[in-house]
Amino acid sequence: MRFITVTELRAQAPKIISEIENSGEEVVITKNGKPVVLIRPVEENEFELKTSMKGEKKHGKGKGAL
């Protein structure tokens, strides 16, 4: 497991994400020396987008509106 700072992530996000994707390694993001976020690769089968939600606009009243 690798540790990097928020500053490093901000400066090198695309590179870091590619490294995580290629290596499968988890990375802990630290802020002021304390771990705050864990970034890890995910597999497609770990979640799925509901096709009914794609492009759907929900406004105001109706089923599922917040």
C-alpha atoms as a PDB file:
ATOM      1  CA  MET A   1       0.000   0.000   0.000  1.00  0.00           C
ATOM      2  CA  ARG A   2       1.318   3.378  -1.010  1.00  0.00           C
ATOM      3  CA  PHE A   3       0.791   6.716   0.755  1.00  0.00           C
ATOM      4  CA  ILE A   4       0.717  10.079  -1.033  1.00  0.00           C
ATOM      5  CA  THR A   5      -0.286  13.570  -0.004  1.00  0.00           C
ATOM      6  CA  VAL A   6      -3.259  15.548  -1.276  1.00  0.00           C
ATOM      7  CA  THR A   7      -0.752  17.931  -2.856  1.00  0.00           C
ATOM      8  CA  GLU A   8       0.914  15.081  -4.776  1.00  0.00           C
ATOM      9  CA  LEU A   9      -2.467  13.805  -5.944  1.00  0.00           C
ATOM     10  CA  ARG A  10      -3.503  17.255  -7.125  1.00  0.00           C
ATOM     11  CA  ALA A  11      -0.279  17.689  -9.101  1.00  0.00           C
ATOM     12  CA  GLN A  12      -0.136  14.184 -10.596  1.00  0.00           C
ATOM     13  CA  ALA A  13      -3.681  12.789 -10.608  1.00  0.00           C
ATOM     14  CA  PRO A  14      -3.700  11.315 -14.146  1.00  0.00           C
ATOM     15  CA  LYS A  15      -0.344   9.596 -13.598  1.00  0.00           C
ATOM     16  CA  ILE A  16      -1.334   8.254 -10.178  1.00  0.00           C
ATOM     17  CA  ILE A  17      -4.666   6.947 -11.448  1.00  0.00           C
ATOM     18  CA  SER A  18      -2.942   5.163 -14.336  1.00  0.00           C
ATOM     19  CA  GLU A  19      -0.475   3.579 -11.917  1.00  0.00           C
ATOM     20  CA  ILE A  20      -3.313   2.356  -9.687  1.00  0.00           C
ATOM     21  CA  GLU A  21      -5.168   1.006 -12.704  1.00  0.00           C
ATOM     22  CA  ASN A  22      -2.090  -0.851 -13.998  1.00  0.00           C
ATOM     23  CA  SER A  23      -0.700  -2.163 -10.707  1.00  0.00           C
ATOM     24  CA  GLY A  24      -3.934  -2.820  -8.815  1.00  0.00           C
ATOM     25  CA  GLU A  25      -2.254  -1.276  -5.771  1.00  0.00           C
ATOM     26  CA  GLU A  26      -4.286   0.645  -3.203  1.00  0.00           C
ATOM     27  CA  VAL A  27      -3.186   4.203  -2.427  1.00  0.00           C
ATOM     28  CA  VAL A  28      -3.914   6.116   0.768  1.00  0.00           C
ATOM     29  CA  ILE A  29      -4.197   9.880   0.438  1.00  0.00           C
ATOM     30  CA  THR A  30      -2.944  11.818   3.439  1.00  0.00           C
ATOM     31  CA  LYS A  31      -3.757  15.326   4.600  1.00  0.00           C
ATOM     32  CA  ASN A  32      -1.616  16.965   7.249  1.00  0.00           C
ATOM     33  CA  GLY A  33       0.062  13.597   7.816  1.00  0.00           C
ATOM     34  CA  LYS A  34      -3.190  11.731   8.497  1.00  0.00           C
ATOM     35  CA  PRO A  35      -4.833   9.183   6.183  1.00  0.00           C
ATOM     36  CA  VAL A  36      -8.134  10.523   4.829  1.00  0.00           C
ATOM     37  CA  VAL A  37      -8.971   8.639   1.618  1.00  0.00           C
ATOM     38  CA  LEU A  38      -8.314   5.206   0.159  1.00  0.00           C
ATOM     39  CA  ILE A  39      -8.170   4.902  -3.624  1.00  0.00           C
ATOM     40  CA  ARG A  40      -8.376   1.437  -5.095  1.00  0.00           C
ATOM     41  CA  PRO A  41      -9.132  -0.020  -8.492  1.00  0.00           C
ATOM     42  CA  VAL A  42     -12.640  -1.345  -9.094  1.00  0.00           C
ATOM     43  CA  GLU A  43     -13.907  -4.061 -11.371  1.00  0.00           C
ATOM     44  CA  GLU A  44     -16.872  -3.427 -13.658  1.00  0.00           C
ATOM     45  CA  ASN A  45     -18.856  -6.162 -11.938  1.00  0.00           C
ATOM     46  CA  GLU A  46     -18.616  -4.377  -8.567  1.00  0.00           C
ATOM     47  CA  PHE A  47     -21.308  -1.928  -9.611  1.00  0.00           C
ATOM     48  CA  GLU A  48     -23.647  -1.251 -12.476  1.00  0.00           C
ATOM     49  CA  LEU A  49     -25.378   1.799 -13.833  1.00  0.00           C
ATOM     50  CA  LYS A  50     -29.106   1.410 -14.008  1.00  0.00           C
ATOM     51  CA  THR A  51     -30.108   1.871 -17.622  1.00  0.00           C
ATOM     52  CA  SER A  52     -33.334   3.553 -16.544  1.00  0.00           C
ATOM     53  CA  MET A  53     -31.278   6.360 -14.974  1.00  0.00           C
ATOM     54  CA  LYS A  54     -29.236   7.184 -18.086  1.00  0.00           C
ATOM     55  CA  GLY A  55     -30.355  10.459 -19.595  1.00  0.00           C
ATOM     56  CA  GLU A  56     -33.437  10.579 -17.416  1.00  0.00           C
ATOM     57  CA  LYS A  57     -34.386  13.945 -15.979  1.00  0.00           C
ATOM     58  CA  LYS A  58     -36.315  14.067 -12.744  1.00  0.00           C
ATOM     59  CA  HIS A  59     -37.763  17.307 -11.550  1.00  0.00           C
ATOM     60  CA  GLY A  60     -40.041  18.140  -8.691  1.00  0.00           C
ATOM     61  CA  LYS A  61     -42.753  15.670  -7.852  1.00  0.00           C
ATOM     62  CA  GLY A  62     -42.795  12.101  -8.953  1.00  0.00           C
ATOM     63  CA  LYS A  63     -41.542   8.712  -8.037  1.00  0.00           C
ATOM     64  CA  GLY A  64     -37.951   8.804  -6.821  1.00  0.00           C
ATOM     65  CA  ALA A  65     -37.666  12.577  -6.605  1.00  0.00           C
ATOM     66  CA  LEU A  66     -35.773  13.853  -3.609  1.00  0.00           C
END
